[in-house]
Protein backbone atom coordinates (compact mmCIF):
# COMPACT_ATOMS: atom_id res chain seq x y z
CA UNK A 1 -147.95 -140.53 30.17
CA UNK A 2 -149.73 -142.44 32.77
CA UNK A 3 -151.40 -140.77 36.06
CA UNK A 4 -148.51 -142.63 37.87
CA UNK A 5 -145.89 -141.03 35.91
CA UNK A 6 -147.28 -137.55 36.19
CA UNK A 7 -147.30 -138.24 40.10
CA UNK A 8 -143.39 -139.88 39.87
CA UNK A 9 -142.57 -136.61 38.16
CA UNK A 10 -144.38 -133.91 40.37
CA UNK A 11 -142.66 -135.76 43.48
CA UNK A 12 -139.05 -135.45 42.16
CA UNK A 13 -139.50 -131.89 40.38
CA UNK A 14 -137.15 -129.46 41.55
CA UNK A 15 -136.39 -126.13 41.28
CA UNK A 16 -133.05 -124.28 41.60
CA UNK A 17 -132.68 -121.00 43.53
CA UNK A 18 -129.23 -119.52 43.95
CA UNK A 19 -127.54 -122.79 43.35
CA UNK A 20 -129.94 -124.40 46.30
CA UNK A 21 -132.30 -127.26 44.72
CA UNK A 22 -135.84 -126.85 46.08
CA UNK A 23 -138.58 -129.73 45.87
CA UNK A 24 -141.95 -128.16 44.24
CA UNK A 25 -143.90 -130.44 46.40
CA UNK A 26 -142.37 -128.58 49.52
CA UNK A 27 -143.49 -125.12 48.00
CA UNK A 28 -147.10 -126.18 46.82
CA UNK A 29 -147.36 -128.24 50.06
CA UNK A 30 -146.50 -124.42 51.94
CA UNK A 31 -149.00 -122.62 49.55
CA UNK A 32 -151.68 -125.08 51.00
CA UNK A 33 -150.84 -124.40 54.17
CA UNK A 34 -150.96 -120.83 53.78
CA UNK A 35 -154.52 -121.13 52.35
CA UNK A 36 -155.76 -123.41 54.77
CA UNK A 37 -154.43 -120.46 57.44
CA UNK A 38 -156.56 -117.99 55.43
CA UNK A 39 -159.58 -120.19 55.60
CA UNK A 40 -159.06 -120.66 59.32
CA UNK A 41 -158.59 -116.50 60.25
CA UNK A 42 -162.34 -116.44 58.15
CA UNK A 43 -163.76 -119.37 60.04
CA UNK A 44 -164.49 -121.61 56.98
CA UNK A 45 -164.33 -125.23 57.15
CA UNK A 46 -162.62 -125.55 54.12
CA UNK A 47 -159.68 -124.74 55.58
CA UNK A 48 -159.40 -127.99 56.97
CA UNK A 49 -158.96 -129.90 53.71
CA UNK A 50 -156.93 -127.62 52.09
CA UNK A 51 -154.49 -127.99 54.94
CA UNK A 52 -154.76 -132.04 54.98
CA UNK A 53 -153.38 -132.04 51.25
CA UNK A 54 -150.44 -129.43 51.93
CA UNK A 55 -149.71 -131.87 55.16
CA UNK A 56 -149.85 -135.25 52.71
CA UNK A 57 -147.17 -133.24 50.82
CA UNK A 58 -144.75 -132.13 53.19
CA UNK A 59 -144.99 -135.21 55.24
CA UNK A 60 -142.71 -136.52 52.31
CA UNK A 61 -140.78 -133.42 52.13
CA UNK A 62 -139.49 -133.72 56.00
CA UNK A 63 -138.49 -137.30 56.10
CA UNK A 64 -135.88 -136.05 53.46
CA UNK A 65 -133.80 -139.27 54.26
CA UNK A 66 -136.35 -141.67 53.26
CA UNK A 67 -137.69 -140.09 50.19
CA UNK A 68 -134.38 -138.78 49.03
CA UNK A 69 -135.04 -134.60 49.35
CA UNK A 70 -132.06 -132.37 48.28
CA UNK A 71 -131.95 -131.79 52.42
CA UNK A 72 -131.69 -135.26 52.83
CA UNK A 73 -132.35 -134.90 56.53
CA UNK A 74 -135.11 -136.86 58.51
CA UNK A 75 -137.10 -134.14 60.88
CA UNK A 76 -139.39 -136.53 62.45
CA UNK A 77 -141.14 -133.83 64.77
CA UNK A 78 -141.98 -132.22 61.18
CA UNK A 79 -143.26 -135.35 59.79
CA UNK A 80 -144.90 -136.71 62.94
CA UNK A 81 -146.65 -133.26 63.15
CA UNK A 82 -148.05 -133.73 59.38
CA UNK A 83 -149.66 -136.74 60.55
CA UNK A 84 -150.83 -134.94 63.64
CA UNK A 85 -152.24 -132.30 61.65
CA UNK A 86 -154.13 -134.83 59.37
CA UNK A 87 -155.81 -136.54 62.33
CA UNK A 88 -156.60 -132.96 64.19
CA UNK A 89 -157.84 -131.46 61.03
CA UNK A 90 -160.44 -134.34 60.70
CA UNK A 91 -161.77 -133.43 64.15
CA UNK A 92 -161.74 -129.79 63.53
CA UNK A 93 -163.54 -130.15 60.08
CA UNK A 94 -166.02 -132.13 61.99
CA UNK A 95 -166.17 -129.49 64.66
CA UNK A 96 -166.86 -126.77 62.75
CA UNK A 97 -169.40 -128.44 60.37
CA UNK A 98 -171.45 -129.42 63.08
CA UNK A 99 -171.39 -126.02 64.56
CA UNK A 100 -172.74 -124.69 61.03
CA UNK A 101 -175.30 -127.54 61.08
CA UNK A 102 -176.28 -127.15 64.60
CA UNK A 103 -176.80 -123.50 63.89
CA UNK A 104 -179.11 -123.94 60.80
CA UNK A 105 -181.24 -126.43 62.87
CA UNK A 106 -181.76 -123.54 65.41
CA UNK A 107 -181.99 -120.42 63.61
CA UNK A 108 -178.75 -119.18 65.11
CA UNK A 109 -175.68 -118.76 62.77
CA UNK A 110 -172.15 -118.08 64.46
CA UNK A 111 -171.68 -115.68 62.16
CA UNK A 112 -172.27 -114.67 58.65
CA UNK A 113 -170.55 -117.08 56.24
CA UNK A 114 -168.34 -118.29 59.31
CA UNK A 115 -168.51 -121.62 61.25
CA UNK A 116 -167.04 -121.00 64.69
CA UNK A 117 -167.18 -118.26 67.31
CA UNK A 118 -163.89 -117.28 68.56
CA UNK A 119 -163.67 -117.24 72.40
CA UNK A 120 -160.85 -117.44 75.25
CA UNK A 121 -160.14 -120.76 76.95
CA UNK A 122 -161.23 -120.92 80.53
CA UNK A 123 -158.00 -120.80 83.09
CA UNK A 124 -158.14 -124.25 83.62
CA UNK A 125 -157.76 -125.08 80.03
CA UNK A 126 -154.65 -122.42 79.95
CA UNK A 127 -153.15 -124.33 82.64
CA UNK A 128 -153.76 -127.75 80.64
CA UNK A 129 -151.97 -126.08 77.60
CA UNK A 130 -149.24 -124.78 79.58
CA UNK A 131 -148.56 -128.48 81.11
CA UNK A 132 -149.11 -130.46 78.26
CA UNK A 133 -146.78 -128.22 76.17
CA UNK A 134 -143.57 -128.49 78.76
CA UNK A 135 -144.36 -132.12 79.57
CA UNK A 136 -145.07 -132.93 75.96
CA UNK A 137 -142.04 -130.85 74.56
CA UNK A 138 -139.70 -132.69 76.90
CA UNK A 139 -140.82 -136.52 76.72
CA UNK A 140 -140.94 -135.99 72.70
CA UNK A 141 -137.54 -134.64 72.57
CA UNK A 142 -136.05 -137.83 73.92
CA UNK A 143 -138.53 -140.05 71.35
CA UNK A 144 -137.12 -137.77 68.86
CA UNK A 145 -133.42 -137.81 69.61
CA UNK A 146 -133.49 -141.67 70.04
CA UNK A 147 -135.16 -141.85 66.30
CA UNK A 148 -132.45 -139.78 64.96
CA UNK A 149 -134.42 -136.23 64.51
CA UNK A 150 -132.17 -133.52 63.52
CA UNK A 151 -132.41 -130.88 66.15
CA UNK A 152 -134.72 -132.95 68.30
CA UNK A 153 -135.50 -130.36 71.11
CA UNK A 154 -136.33 -127.53 68.71
CA UNK A 155 -138.40 -130.21 66.45
CA UNK A 156 -140.20 -131.25 70.07
CA UNK A 157 -141.52 -127.82 70.68
CA UNK A 158 -142.64 -127.46 67.13
CA UNK A 159 -144.44 -130.50 67.39
CA UNK A 160 -146.32 -129.97 70.48
CA UNK A 161 -147.30 -126.22 69.65
CA UNK A 162 -148.54 -127.33 66.59
CA UNK A 163 -150.41 -129.92 67.92
CA UNK A 164 -152.03 -127.62 70.59
CA UNK A 165 -152.38 -124.64 68.30
CA UNK A 166 -154.34 -126.91 65.82
CA UNK A 167 -156.56 -128.36 68.54
CA UNK A 168 -157.19 -124.83 69.81
CA UNK A 169 -158.16 -123.77 66.58
CA UNK A 170 -160.72 -126.53 66.13
CA UNK A 171 -162.31 -125.36 69.79
CA UNK A 172 -162.48 -121.72 69.00
CA UNK A 173 -159.99 -120.51 71.41
CA UNK A 174 -158.37 -117.58 70.52
CA UNK A 175 -155.25 -118.71 72.22
CA UNK A 176 -154.26 -120.62 69.28
CA UNK A 177 -153.12 -118.06 67.18
CA UNK A 178 -150.22 -117.48 70.18
CA UNK A 179 -149.45 -120.97 70.36
CA UNK A 180 -148.47 -120.52 66.68
CA UNK A 181 -146.13 -117.67 67.06
CA UNK A 182 -144.36 -119.40 69.91
CA UNK A 183 -144.13 -122.12 66.96
CA UNK A 184 -142.53 -119.73 64.53
CA UNK A 185 -140.02 -118.34 66.86
CA UNK A 186 -138.68 -121.78 67.08
CA UNK A 187 -139.29 -123.20 63.52
CA UNK A 188 -137.63 -120.08 61.89
CA UNK A 189 -133.99 -120.68 62.74
CA UNK A 190 -134.36 -124.66 62.43
CA UNK A 191 -135.69 -124.84 59.21
CA UNK A 192 -133.27 -122.40 57.98
CA UNK A 193 -130.30 -124.13 59.30
CA UNK A 194 -131.59 -127.12 57.98
CA UNK A 195 -132.12 -126.03 54.67
CA UNK A 196 -135.73 -126.04 54.59
CA UNK A 197 -136.20 -122.34 52.79
CA UNK A 198 -139.82 -122.36 51.46
CA UNK A 199 -140.78 -123.84 54.62
CA UNK A 200 -138.82 -121.26 56.60
CA UNK A 201 -140.07 -118.32 54.32
CA UNK A 202 -143.81 -119.75 55.16
CA UNK A 203 -142.82 -119.45 58.85
CA UNK A 204 -142.06 -115.93 58.45
CA UNK A 205 -144.97 -115.62 56.51
CA UNK A 206 -147.23 -116.78 59.41
CA UNK A 207 -145.56 -114.82 61.90
CA UNK A 208 -147.20 -111.72 60.46
CA UNK A 209 -150.49 -113.22 59.31
CA UNK A 210 -151.07 -114.95 63.13
CA UNK A 211 -150.52 -111.63 64.51
CA UNK A 212 -153.51 -110.40 61.86
CA UNK A 213 -155.33 -113.61 62.46
CA UNK A 214 -155.26 -113.20 66.55
CA UNK A 215 -156.40 -109.43 66.23
CA UNK A 216 -159.17 -110.58 63.91
CA UNK A 217 -160.67 -113.13 66.28
CA UNK A 218 -160.16 -111.01 69.23
CA UNK A 219 -162.30 -108.42 67.61
CA UNK A 220 -164.97 -110.87 66.65
CA UNK A 221 -164.67 -112.83 69.94
CA UNK A 222 -165.51 -109.19 71.85
CA UNK A 223 -168.66 -108.39 69.48
CA UNK A 224 -169.99 -111.81 69.82
CA UNK A 225 -169.36 -111.65 73.72
């Protein structure tokens, strides 16, 4: 079979659980997401390209009406944030590898086997996060509603929270874990209601994982400080 044929077979492959059809690419995309989160907690630069692979797969999943997924629903915020993830991940990949290269030149490493030093955002940066979250969610709610997105307000909240959390991770802000918790609280009910069960399950895993990651980064930040 040709590579193109294998690709189409993978895109169409489904798994049925309890009578509910689930795309394998949704499962695989979320596995890459978990791997990226683990790499982020360990402060490893490989987390970024691994995450990009998962984002590309999930982009096709959340445009259910376009790609004719079993859910047949378009979540423009969920799909759009995969594009955003790719863009911010490129920046994060560059930022973390730059830290490693700079450490090698100066002889001062950010940490054994790591590429970033966790630290708190400044008060001004925290205010910026809150303002951006509020304004961005309001603006995107109208946009996603106009586009016909399913659940536009929740979709907008998840998009902005994900954007700010990913940017915060790239900057090394410990607060980015707290932003992920805010995303999970809204994301789990939305995805369960929409029928994206593997993604909802991943959000539940993240809910526990981000607490662990927050504690890890908090301890490392205190030792580094």
